[in-house]
Amino acid sequence: GHPGTSAPPLRGRSLTLSLSGPSSLHCIKSQQSEVTRILDGKRIQYQLVDISQDNALRDEMRALAGNPKATPPQIVNGDQYCGDYELFVEAVEQNTLQEFLKLA
């Protein structure tokens, strides 16, 4: 991005998946691709947000998650925090993904 322009906030967006950039750890990368694969397979619309480039977005993600150490991937729907990777996988296994994503 250009200096002085920051990305729009996470709040007010539709379903958003917070990612970290290319330099992120392998385990984070594999979790991110797993989440996107499942969402794509269920034809669920979402936006990807790379928070590694923007401290404000990272802080906002952590504030929404209620955890100052939250790491991606984190899933947010508008201003409602859905959960992290572990909770996402649990929701998939229990067939409660729509509820988890605040889409139900």
PDB file of N, CA and C in Angstrom:
ATOM      1  N   GLY A   1       0.819  -1.206   0.000  1.00  0.00           N
ATOM      2  CA  GLY A   1       0.000   0.000   0.000  1.00  0.00           C
ATOM      3  C   GLY A   1       0.848   1.249   0.000  1.00  0.00           C
ATOM      4  N   HIS A   2       0.233   2.346  -0.235  1.00  0.00           N
ATOM      5  CA  HIS A   2       0.939   3.632  -0.232  1.00  0.00           C
ATOM      6  C   HIS A   2       1.008   4.162   1.182  1.00  0.00           C
ATOM      7  N   PRO A   3       2.053   4.909   1.496  1.00  0.00           N
ATOM      8  CA  PRO A   3       2.137   5.494   2.841  1.00  0.00           C
ATOM      9  C   PRO A   3       0.957   6.428   3.071  1.00  0.00           C
ATOM     10  N   GLY A   4       0.442   6.394   4.290  1.00  0.00           N
ATOM     11  CA  GLY A   4      -0.650   7.302   4.616  1.00  0.00           C
ATOM     12  C   GLY A   4      -2.020   6.725   4.330  1.00  0.00           C
ATOM     13  N   THR A   5      -2.093   5.639   3.574  1.00  0.00           N
ATOM     14  CA  THR A   5      -3.391   5.013   3.370  1.00  0.00           C
ATOM     15  C   THR A   5      -3.402   3.693   4.115  1.00  0.00           C
ATOM     16  N   SER A   6      -4.337   3.543   4.999  1.00  0.00           N
ATOM     17  CA  SER A   6      -4.415   2.264   5.700  1.00  0.00           C
ATOM     18  C   SER A   6      -5.629   1.507   5.194  1.00  0.00           C
ATOM     19  N   ALA A   7      -5.574   0.209   5.349  1.00  0.00           N
ATOM     20  CA  ALA A   7      -6.677  -0.633   4.890  1.00  0.00           C
ATOM     21  C   ALA A   7      -7.937  -0.305   5.687  1.00  0.00           C
ATOM     22  N   PRO A   8      -9.095  -0.503   5.087  1.00  0.00           N
ATOM     23  CA  PRO A   8     -10.329  -0.294   5.845  1.00  0.00           C
ATOM     24  C   PRO A   8     -10.382  -1.253   7.027  1.00  0.00           C
ATOM     25  N   PRO A   9     -11.065  -0.863   8.092  1.00  0.00           N
ATOM     26  CA  PRO A   9     -11.091  -1.719   9.281  1.00  0.00           C
ATOM     27  C   PRO A   9     -11.803  -3.043   9.018  1.00  0.00           C
ATOM     28  N   LEU A  10     -11.540  -3.997   9.894  1.00  0.00           N
ATOM     29  CA  LEU A  10     -12.182  -5.310   9.767  1.00  0.00           C
ATOM     30  C   LEU A  10     -13.672  -5.214  10.058  1.00  0.00           C
ATOM     31  N   ARG A  11     -14.024  -4.378  11.026  1.00  0.00           N
ATOM     32  CA  ARG A  11     -15.426  -4.202  11.374  1.00  0.00           C
ATOM     33  C   ARG A  11     -16.177  -3.665  10.166  1.00  0.00           C
ATOM     34  N   GLY A  12     -17.372  -4.164   9.969  1.00  0.00           N
ATOM     35  CA  GLY A  12     -18.159  -3.653   8.868  1.00  0.00           C
ATOM     36  C   GLY A  12     -17.897  -4.416   7.577  1.00  0.00           C
ATOM     37  N   ARG A  13     -16.913  -5.283   7.567  1.00  0.00           N
ATOM     38  CA  ARG A  13     -16.743  -6.147   6.417  1.00  0.00           C
ATOM     39  C   ARG A  13     -17.626  -7.366   6.610  1.00  0.00           C
ATOM     40  N   SER A  14     -17.755  -8.120   5.530  1.00  0.00           N
ATOM     41  CA  SER A  14     -18.409  -9.409   5.675  1.00  0.00           C
ATOM     42  C   SER A  14     -17.423 -10.363   6.317  1.00  0.00           C
ATOM     43  N   LEU A  15     -17.657 -11.628   6.126  1.00  0.00           N
ATOM     44  CA  LEU A  15     -16.795 -12.643   6.726  1.00  0.00           C
ATOM     45  C   LEU A  15     -15.344 -12.418   6.323  1.00  0.00           C
ATOM     46  N   THR A  16     -14.483 -12.301   7.307  1.00  0.00           N
ATOM     47  CA  THR A  16     -13.091 -11.953   7.050  1.00  0.00           C
ATOM     48  C   THR A  16     -12.164 -12.956   7.711  1.00  0.00           C
ATOM     49  N   LEU A  17     -11.169 -13.370   6.967  1.00  0.00           N
ATOM     50  CA  LEU A  17     -10.158 -14.282   7.482  1.00  0.00           C
ATOM     51  C   LEU A  17      -8.840 -13.520   7.568  1.00  0.00           C
ATOM     52  N   SER A  18      -8.350 -13.340   8.788  1.00  0.00           N
ATOM     53  CA  SER A  18      -7.090 -12.631   8.970  1.00  0.00           C
ATOM     54  C   SER A  18      -5.924 -13.573   8.719  1.00  0.00           C
ATOM     55  N   LEU A  19      -5.043 -13.157   7.846  1.00  0.00           N
ATOM     56  CA  LEU A  19      -3.884 -13.972   7.513  1.00  0.00           C
ATOM     57  C   LEU A  19      -2.627 -13.231   7.900  1.00  0.00           C
ATOM     58  N   SER A  20      -1.520 -13.942   7.891  1.00  0.00           N
ATOM     59  CA  SER A  20      -0.256 -13.232   7.940  1.00  0.00           C
ATOM     60  C   SER A  20       0.464 -13.512   6.636  1.00  0.00           C
ATOM     61  N   GLY A  21       1.443 -12.700   6.340  1.00  0.00           N
ATOM     62  CA  GLY A  21       2.028 -12.672   5.008  1.00  0.00           C
ATOM     63  C   GLY A  21       2.919 -13.844   4.668  1.00  0.00           C
ATOM     64  N   PRO A  22       3.609 -13.732   3.546  1.00  0.00           N
ATOM     65  CA  PRO A  22       4.444 -14.811   3.015  1.00  0.00           C
ATOM     66  C   PRO A  22       5.529 -15.273   3.980  1.00  0.00           C
ATOM     67  N   SER A  23       5.925 -14.386   4.886  1.00  0.00           N
ATOM     68  CA  SER A  23       7.023 -14.746   5.787  1.00  0.00           C
ATOM     69  C   SER A  23       6.549 -15.549   7.000  1.00  0.00           C
ATOM     70  N   SER A  24       5.249 -15.831   7.046  1.00  0.00           N
ATOM     71  CA  SER A  24       4.731 -16.475   8.251  1.00  0.00           C
ATOM     72  C   SER A  24       5.209 -17.917   8.389  1.00  0.00           C
ATOM     73  N   LEU A  25       5.038 -18.441   9.571  1.00  0.00           N
ATOM     74  CA  LEU A  25       5.478 -19.800   9.878  1.00  0.00           C
ATOM     75  C   LEU A  25       4.708 -20.831   9.072  1.00  0.00           C
ATOM     76  N   HIS A  26       5.353 -21.950   8.850  1.00  0.00           N
ATOM     77  CA  HIS A  26       4.740 -23.005   8.051  1.00  0.00           C
ATOM     78  C   HIS A  26       3.420 -23.484   8.664  1.00  0.00           C
ATOM     79  N   CYS A  27       3.378 -23.621   9.985  1.00  0.00           N
ATOM     80  CA  CYS A  27       2.156 -24.144  10.610  1.00  0.00           C
ATOM     81  C   CYS A  27       0.990 -23.171  10.408  1.00  0.00           C
ATOM     82  N   ILE A  28       1.285 -21.868  10.459  1.00  0.00           N
ATOM     83  CA  ILE A  28       0.236 -20.874  10.214  1.00  0.00           C
ATOM     84  C   ILE A  28      -0.238 -20.962   8.766  1.00  0.00           C
ATOM     85  N   LYS A  29       0.724 -21.092   7.850  1.00  0.00           N
ATOM     86  CA  LYS A  29       0.377 -21.211   6.432  1.00  0.00           C
ATOM     87  C   LYS A  29      -0.541 -22.401   6.173  1.00  0.00           C
ATOM     88  N   SER A  30      -0.210 -23.543   6.758  1.00  0.00           N
ATOM     89  CA  SER A  30      -1.009 -24.729   6.478  1.00  0.00           C
ATOM     90  C   SER A  30      -2.403 -24.604   7.092  1.00  0.00           C
ATOM     91  N   GLN A  31      -2.500 -23.945   8.253  1.00  0.00           N
ATOM     92  CA  GLN A  31      -3.820 -23.705   8.848  1.00  0.00           C
ATOM     93  C   GLN A  31      -4.646 -22.783   7.955  1.00  0.00           C
ATOM     94  N   GLN A  32      -3.986 -21.730   7.447  1.00  0.00           N
ATOM     95  CA  GLN A  32      -4.686 -20.787   6.584  1.00  0.00           C
ATOM     96  C   GLN A  32      -5.220 -21.469   5.335  1.00  0.00           C
ATOM     97  N   SER A  33      -4.390 -22.313   4.716  1.00  0.00           N
ATOM     98  CA  SER A  33      -4.846 -22.952   3.481  1.00  0.00           C
ATOM     99  C   SER A  33      -5.944 -23.965   3.763  1.00  0.00           C
ATOM    100  N   GLU A  34      -5.893 -24.588   4.926  1.00  0.00           N
ATOM    101  CA  GLU A  34      -6.947 -25.520   5.324  1.00  0.00           C
ATOM    102  C   GLU A  34      -8.289 -24.787   5.478  1.00  0.00           C
ATOM    103  N   VAL A  35      -8.259 -23.649   6.143  1.00  0.00           N
ATOM    104  CA  VAL A  35      -9.485 -22.861   6.339  1.00  0.00           C
ATOM    105  C   VAL A  35     -10.050 -22.404   4.994  1.00  0.00           C
ATOM    106  N   THR A  36      -9.187 -21.859   4.131  1.00  0.00           N
ATOM    107  CA  THR A  36      -9.692 -21.376   2.839  1.00  0.00           C
ATOM    108  C   THR A  36     -10.217 -22.532   1.987  1.00  0.00           C
ATOM    109  N   ARG A  37      -9.553 -23.681   2.079  1.00  0.00           N
ATOM    110  CA  ARG A  37     -10.004 -24.844   1.306  1.00  0.00           C
ATOM    111  C   ARG A  37     -11.412 -25.266   1.729  1.00  0.00           C
ATOM    112  N   ILE A  38     -11.653 -25.287   3.030  1.00  0.00           N
ATOM    113  CA  ILE A  38     -12.970 -25.685   3.543  1.00  0.00           C
ATOM    114  C   ILE A  38     -14.033 -24.657   3.157  1.00  0.00           C
ATOM    115  N   LEU A  39     -13.705 -23.373   3.322  1.00  0.00           N
ATOM    116  CA  LEU A  39     -14.665 -22.326   2.966  1.00  0.00           C
ATOM    117  C   LEU A  39     -14.988 -22.368   1.474  1.00  0.00           C
ATOM    118  N   ASP A  40     -13.942 -22.548   0.647  1.00  0.00           N
ATOM    119  CA  ASP A  40     -14.164 -22.643  -0.794  1.00  0.00           C
ATOM    120  C   ASP A  40     -15.039 -23.842  -1.135  1.00  0.00           C
ATOM    121  N   GLY A  41     -14.762 -24.956  -0.475  1.00  0.00           N
ATOM    122  CA  GLY A  41     -15.518 -26.173  -0.738  1.00  0.00           C
ATOM    123  C   GLY A  41     -16.987 -26.026  -0.390  1.00  0.00           C
ATOM    124  N   LYS A  42     -17.277 -25.189   0.608  1.00  0.00           N
ATOM    125  CA  LYS A  42     -18.659 -24.956   1.010  1.00  0.00           C
ATOM    126  C   LYS A  42     -19.239 -23.724   0.318  1.00  0.00           C
ATOM    127  N   ARG A  43     -18.461 -23.147  -0.610  1.00  0.00           N
ATOM    128  CA  ARG A  43     -18.891 -21.967  -1.369  1.00  0.00           C
ATOM    129  C   ARG A  43     -19.308 -20.821  -0.447  1.00  0.00           C
ATOM    130  N   ILE A  44     -18.546 -20.646   0.606  1.00  0.00           N
ATOM    131  CA  ILE A  44     -18.797 -19.536   1.525  1.00  0.00           C
ATOM    132  C   ILE A  44     -17.922 -18.357   1.107  1.00  0.00           C
ATOM    133  N   GLN A  45     -18.554 -17.205   0.929  1.00  0.00           N
ATOM    134  CA  GLN A  45     -17.832 -16.000   0.527  1.00  0.00           C
ATOM    135  C   GLN A  45     -17.066 -15.441   1.724  1.00  0.00           C
ATOM    136  N   TYR A  46     -15.844 -15.034   1.477  1.00  0.00           N
ATOM    137  CA  TYR A  46     -15.059 -14.430   2.549  1.00  0.00           C
ATOM    138  C   TYR A  46     -14.004 -13.518   1.948  1.00  0.00           C
ATOM    139  N   GLN A  47     -13.442 -12.676   2.778  1.00  0.00           N
ATOM    140  CA  GLN A  47     -12.350 -11.815   2.360  1.00  0.00           C
ATOM    141  C   GLN A  47     -11.099 -12.217   3.111  1.00  0.00           C
ATOM    142  N   LEU A  48      -9.973 -12.145   2.437  1.00  0.00           N
ATOM    143  CA  LEU A  48      -8.699 -12.398   3.092  1.00  0.00           C
ATOM    144  C   LEU A  48      -8.050 -11.066   3.419  1.00  0.00           C
ATOM    145  N   VAL A  49      -7.570 -10.940   4.628  1.00  0.00           N
ATOM    146  CA  VAL A  49      -6.900  -9.714   5.036  1.00  0.00           C
ATOM    147  C   VAL A  49      -5.517 -10.073   5.558  1.00  0.00           C
ATOM    148  N   ASP A  50      -4.503  -9.523   4.916  1.00  0.00           N
ATOM    149  CA  ASP A  50      -3.138  -9.765   5.375  1.00  0.00           C
ATOM    150  C   ASP A  50      -2.810  -8.746   6.460  1.00  0.00           C
ATOM    151  N   ILE A  51      -2.809  -9.204   7.708  1.00  0.00           N
ATOM    152  CA  ILE A  51      -2.586  -8.280   8.819  1.00  0.00           C
ATOM    153  C   ILE A  51      -1.113  -8.059   9.108  1.00  0.00           C
ATOM    154  N   SER A  52      -0.247  -8.813   8.412  1.00  0.00           N
ATOM    155  CA  SER A  52       1.175  -8.671   8.714  1.00  0.00           C
ATOM    156  C   SER A  52       1.718  -7.343   8.186  1.00  0.00           C
ATOM    157  N   GLN A  53       1.004  -6.746   7.217  1.00  0.00           N
ATOM    158  CA  GLN A  53       1.458  -5.499   6.621  1.00  0.00           C
ATOM    159  C   GLN A  53       0.932  -4.277   7.366  1.00  0.00           C
ATOM    160  N   ASP A  54       0.028  -4.479   8.296  1.00  0.00           N
ATOM    161  CA  ASP A  54      -0.694  -3.348   8.870  1.00  0.00           C
ATOM    162  C   ASP A  54      -0.902  -3.551  10.370  1.00  0.00           C
ATOM    163  N   ASN A  55      -0.151  -2.822  11.166  1.00  0.00           N
ATOM    164  CA  ASN A  55      -0.250  -2.982  12.623  1.00  0.00           C
ATOM    165  C   ASN A  55      -1.634  -2.661  13.146  1.00  0.00           C
ATOM    166  N   ALA A  56      -2.304  -1.685  12.536  1.00  0.00           N
ATOM    167  CA  ALA A  56      -3.641  -1.307  12.996  1.00  0.00           C
ATOM    168  C   ALA A  56      -4.614  -2.473  12.838  1.00  0.00           C
ATOM    169  N   LEU A  57      -4.519  -3.155  11.693  1.00  0.00           N
ATOM    170  CA  LEU A  57      -5.392  -4.319  11.480  1.00  0.00           C
ATOM    171  C   LEU A  57      -5.048  -5.442  12.442  1.00  0.00           C
ATOM    172  N   ARG A  58      -3.751  -5.625  12.691  1.00  0.00           N
ATOM    173  CA  ARG A  58      -3.346  -6.678  13.616  1.00  0.00           C
ATOM    174  C   ARG A  58      -3.888  -6.382  15.015  1.00  0.00           C
ATOM    175  N   ASP A  59      -3.762  -5.127  15.431  1.00  0.00           N
ATOM    176  CA  ASP A  59      -4.280  -4.745  16.750  1.00  0.00           C
ATOM    177  C   ASP A  59      -5.790  -4.927  16.813  1.00  0.00           C
ATOM    178  N   GLU A  60      -6.463  -4.578  15.714  1.00  0.00           N
ATOM    179  CA  GLU A  60      -7.913  -4.716  15.691  1.00  0.00           C
ATOM    180  C   GLU A  60      -8.327  -6.182  15.765  1.00  0.00           C
ATOM    181  N   MET A  61      -7.616  -7.029  15.014  1.00  0.00           N
ATOM    182  CA  MET A  61      -7.894  -8.465  15.053  1.00  0.00           C
ATOM    183  C   MET A  61      -7.747  -8.984  16.482  1.00  0.00           C
ATOM    184  N   ARG A  62      -6.675  -8.552  17.146  1.00  0.00           N
ATOM    185  CA  ARG A  62      -6.444  -9.021  18.509  1.00  0.00           C
ATOM    186  C   ARG A  62      -7.494  -8.478  19.472  1.00  0.00           C
ATOM    187  N   ALA A  63      -7.922  -7.240  19.242  1.00  0.00           N
ATOM    188  CA  ALA A  63      -8.969  -6.662  20.085  1.00  0.00           C
ATOM    189  C   ALA A  63     -10.278  -7.426  19.904  1.00  0.00           C
ATOM    190  N   LEU A  64     -10.626  -7.722  18.660  1.00  0.00           N
ATOM    191  CA  LEU A  64     -11.853  -8.481  18.390  1.00  0.00           C
ATOM    192  C   LEU A  64     -11.764  -9.875  19.002  1.00  0.00           C
ATOM    193  N   ALA A  65     -10.574 -10.453  18.944  1.00  0.00           N
ATOM    194  CA  ALA A  65     -10.389 -11.799  19.491  1.00  0.00           C
ATOM    195  C   ALA A  65     -10.334 -11.767  21.020  1.00  0.00           C
ATOM    196  N   GLY A  66     -10.125 -10.567  21.578  1.00  0.00           N
ATOM    197  CA  GLY A  66     -10.005 -10.451  23.026  1.00  0.00           C
ATOM    198  C   GLY A  66      -8.737 -11.101  23.541  1.00  0.00           C
ATOM    199  N   ASN A  67      -7.704 -11.137  22.686  1.00  0.00           N
ATOM    200  CA  ASN A  67      -6.455 -11.786  23.055  1.00  0.00           C
ATOM    201  C   ASN A  67      -5.291 -10.999  22.452  1.00  0.00           C
ATOM    202  N   PRO A  68      -4.501 -10.340  23.282  1.00  0.00           N
ATOM    203  CA  PRO A  68      -3.408  -9.516  22.774  1.00  0.00           C
ATOM    204  C   PRO A  68      -2.312 -10.316  22.071  1.00  0.00           C
ATOM    205  N   LYS A  69      -2.358 -11.631  22.198  1.00  0.00           N
ATOM    206  CA  LYS A  69      -1.349 -12.461  21.541  1.00  0.00           C
ATOM    207  C   LYS A  69      -1.931 -13.329  20.426  1.00  0.00           C
ATOM    208  N   ALA A  70      -3.164 -13.034  20.034  1.00  0.00           N
ATOM    209  CA  ALA A  70      -3.821 -13.847  19.007  1.00  0.00           C
ATOM    210  C   ALA A  70      -2.993 -13.878  17.727  1.00  0.00           C
ATOM    211  N   THR A  71      -2.861 -15.063  17.149  1.00  0.00           N
ATOM    212  CA  THR A  71      -2.141 -15.207  15.887  1.00  0.00           C
ATOM    213  C   THR A  71      -3.098 -15.687  14.804  1.00  0.00           C
ATOM    214  N   PRO A  72      -2.816 -15.347  13.562  1.00  0.00           N
ATOM    215  CA  PRO A  72      -3.666 -15.804  12.460  1.00  0.00           C
ATOM    216  C   PRO A  72      -3.585 -17.315  12.299  1.00  0.00           C
ATOM    217  N   PRO A  73      -4.525 -17.952  11.630  1.00  0.00           N
ATOM    218  CA  PRO A  73      -5.718 -17.307  11.085  1.00  0.00           C
ATOM    219  C   PRO A  73      -6.786 -17.063  12.150  1.00  0.00           C
ATOM    220  N   GLN A  74      -7.442 -15.919  12.057  1.00  0.00           N
ATOM    221  CA  GLN A  74      -8.561 -15.578  12.927  1.00  0.00           C
ATOM    222  C   GLN A  74      -9.734 -15.245  12.018  1.00  0.00           C
ATOM    223  N   ILE A  75     -10.927 -15.603  12.460  1.00  0.00           N
ATOM    224  CA  ILE A  75     -12.100 -15.413  11.610  1.00  0.00           C
ATOM    225  C   ILE A  75     -13.062 -14.446  12.287  1.00  0.00           C
ATOM    226  N   VAL A  76     -13.455 -13.429  11.527  1.00  0.00           N
ATOM    227  CA  VAL A  76     -14.321 -12.372  12.035  1.00  0.00           C
ATOM    228  C   VAL A  76     -15.454 -12.182  11.038  1.00  0.00           C
ATOM    229  N   ASN A  77     -16.650 -11.927  11.540  1.00  0.00           N
ATOM    230  CA  ASN A  77     -17.755 -11.576  10.652  1.00  0.00           C
ATOM    231  C   ASN A  77     -18.267 -10.209  11.070  1.00  0.00           C
ATOM    232  N   GLY A  78     -17.962  -9.184  10.263  1.00  0.00           N
ATOM    233  CA  GLY A  78     -18.289  -7.825  10.668  1.00  0.00           C
ATOM    234  C   GLY A  78     -17.544  -7.496  11.939  1.00  0.00           C
ATOM    235  N   ASP A  79     -18.260  -7.094  12.979  1.00  0.00           N
ATOM    236  CA  ASP A  79     -17.576  -6.801  14.242  1.00  0.00           C
ATOM    237  C   ASP A  79     -17.734  -7.943  15.240  1.00  0.00           C
ATOM    238  N   GLN A  80     -18.191  -9.080  14.740  1.00  0.00           N
ATOM    239  CA  GLN A  80     -18.353 -10.247  15.618  1.00  0.00           C
ATOM    240  C   GLN A  80     -17.187 -11.207  15.409  1.00  0.00           C
ATOM    241  N   TYR A  81     -16.515 -11.523  16.500  1.00  0.00           N
ATOM    242  CA  TYR A  81     -15.412 -12.462  16.438  1.00  0.00           C
ATOM    243  C   TYR A  81     -15.962 -13.881  16.375  1.00  0.00           C
ATOM    244  N   CYS A  82     -15.522 -14.653  15.390  1.00  0.00           N
ATOM    245  CA  CYS A  82     -15.989 -16.037  15.259  1.00  0.00           C
ATOM    246  C   CYS A  82     -15.082 -16.999  16.012  1.00  0.00           C
ATOM    247  N   GLY A  83     -13.776 -16.915  15.744  1.00  0.00           N
ATOM    248  CA  GLY A  83     -12.869 -17.812  16.436  1.00  0.00           C
ATOM    249  C   GLY A  83     -11.581 -18.015  15.665  1.00  0.00           C
ATOM    250  N   ASP A  84     -10.764 -18.903  16.192  1.00  0.00           N
ATOM    251  CA  ASP A  84      -9.480 -19.180  15.581  1.00  0.00           C
ATOM    252  C   ASP A  84      -9.532 -20.522  14.848  1.00  0.00           C
ATOM    253  N   TYR A  85      -8.371 -20.994  14.448  1.00  0.00           N
ATOM    254  CA  TYR A  85      -8.307 -22.225  13.658  1.00  0.00           C
ATOM    255  C   TYR A  85      -8.883 -23.423  14.408  1.00  0.00           C
ATOM    256  N   GLU A  86      -8.510 -23.577  15.682  1.00  0.00           N
ATOM    257  CA  GLU A  86      -8.976 -24.745  16.455  1.00  0.00           C
ATOM    258  C   GLU A  86     -10.513 -24.769  16.520  1.00  0.00           C
ATOM    259  N   LEU A  87     -11.095 -23.597  16.803  1.00  0.00           N
ATOM    260  CA  LEU A  87     -12.548 -23.523  16.903  1.00  0.00           C
ATOM    261  C   LEU A  87     -13.216 -23.751  15.551  1.00  0.00           C
ATOM    262  N   PHE A  88     -12.554 -23.284  14.506  1.00  0.00           N
ATOM    263  CA  PHE A  88     -13.065 -23.483  13.155  1.00  0.00           C
ATOM    264  C   PHE A  88     -13.159 -24.970  12.834  1.00  0.00           C
ATOM    265  N   VAL A  89     -12.053 -25.684  13.097  1.00  0.00           N
ATOM    266  CA  VAL A  89     -12.015 -27.128  12.808  1.00  0.00           C
ATOM    267  C   VAL A  89     -13.071 -27.875  13.624  1.00  0.00           C
ATOM    268  N   GLU A  90     -13.211 -27.461  14.876  1.00  0.00           N
ATOM    269  CA  GLU A  90     -14.215 -28.073  15.740  1.00  0.00           C
ATOM    270  C   GLU A  90     -15.624 -27.876  15.165  1.00  0.00           C
ATOM    271  N   ALA A  91     -15.889 -26.660  14.691  1.00  0.00           N
ATOM    272  CA  ALA A  91     -17.204 -26.358  14.113  1.00  0.00           C
ATOM    273  C   ALA A  91     -17.458 -27.195  12.863  1.00  0.00           C
ATOM    274  N   VAL A  92     -16.415 -27.387  12.058  1.00  0.00           N
ATOM    275  CA  VAL A  92     -16.554 -28.216  10.863  1.00  0.00           C
ATOM    276  C   VAL A  92     -16.896 -29.650  11.252  1.00  0.00           C
ATOM    277  N   GLU A  93     -16.179 -30.161  12.245  1.00  0.00           N
ATOM    278  CA  GLU A  93     -16.392 -31.550  12.674  1.00  0.00           C
ATOM    279  C   GLU A  93     -17.782 -31.746  13.264  1.00  0.00           C
ATOM    280  N   GLN A  94     -18.269 -30.712  13.959  1.00  0.00           N
ATOM    281  CA  GLN A  94     -19.575 -30.827  14.612  1.00  0.00           C
ATOM    282  C   GLN A  94     -20.711 -30.345  13.722  1.00  0.00           C
ATOM    283  N   ASN A  95     -20.337 -29.964  12.483  1.00  0.00           N
ATOM    284  CA  ASN A  95     -21.338 -29.517  11.527  1.00  0.00           C
ATOM    285  C   ASN A  95     -22.071 -28.261  12.001  1.00  0.00           C
ATOM    286  N   THR A  96     -21.352 -27.384  12.684  1.00  0.00           N
ATOM    287  CA  THR A  96     -21.967 -26.139  13.159  1.00  0.00           C
ATOM    288  C   THR A  96     -21.256 -24.928  12.548  1.00  0.00           C
ATOM    289  N   LEU A  97     -20.717 -25.116  11.337  1.00  0.00           N
ATOM    290  CA  LEU A  97     -19.906 -24.064  10.729  1.00  0.00           C
ATOM    291  C   LEU A  97     -20.712 -22.785  10.473  1.00  0.00           C
ATOM    292  N   GLN A  98     -21.946 -22.938   9.995  1.00  0.00           N
ATOM    293  CA  GLN A  98     -22.777 -21.753   9.726  1.00  0.00           C
ATOM    294  C   GLN A  98     -22.960 -20.905  10.982  1.00  0.00           C
ATOM    295  N   GLU A  99     -23.229 -21.595  12.095  1.00  0.00           N
ATOM    296  CA  GLU A  99     -23.399 -20.880  13.368  1.00  0.00           C
ATOM    297  C   GLU A  99     -22.085 -20.235  13.800  1.00  0.00           C
ATOM    298  N   PHE A 100     -21.009 -20.994  13.670  1.00  0.00           N
ATOM    299  CA  PHE A 100     -19.685 -20.501  14.055  1.00  0.00           C
ATOM    300  C   PHE A 100     -19.339 -19.227  13.275  1.00  0.00           C
ATOM    301  N   LEU A 101     -19.657 -19.212  11.993  1.00  0.00           N
ATOM    302  CA  LEU A 101     -19.325 -18.077  11.135  1.00  0.00           C
ATOM    303  C   LEU A 101     -20.358 -16.952  11.221  1.00  0.00           C
ATOM    304  N   LYS A 102     -21.339 -17.118  12.125  1.00  0.00           N
ATOM    305  CA  LYS A 102     -22.414 -16.118  12.299  1.00  0.00           C
ATOM    306  C   LYS A 102     -23.224 -15.946  11.005  1.00  0.00           C
ATOM    307  N   LEU A 103     -23.350 -17.019  10.246  1.00  0.00           N
ATOM    308  CA  LEU A 103     -24.104 -16.954   9.005  1.00  0.00           C
ATOM    309  C   LEU A 103     -25.479 -17.571   9.155  1.00  0.00           C
ATOM    310  N   ALA A 104     -25.682 -18.327  10.220  1.00  0.00           N
ATOM    311  CA  ALA A 104     -26.945 -19.043  10.399  1.00  0.00           C
ATOM    312  C   ALA A 104     -28.032 -18.103  10.904  1.00  0.00           C
TER     313      ALA A 104
END
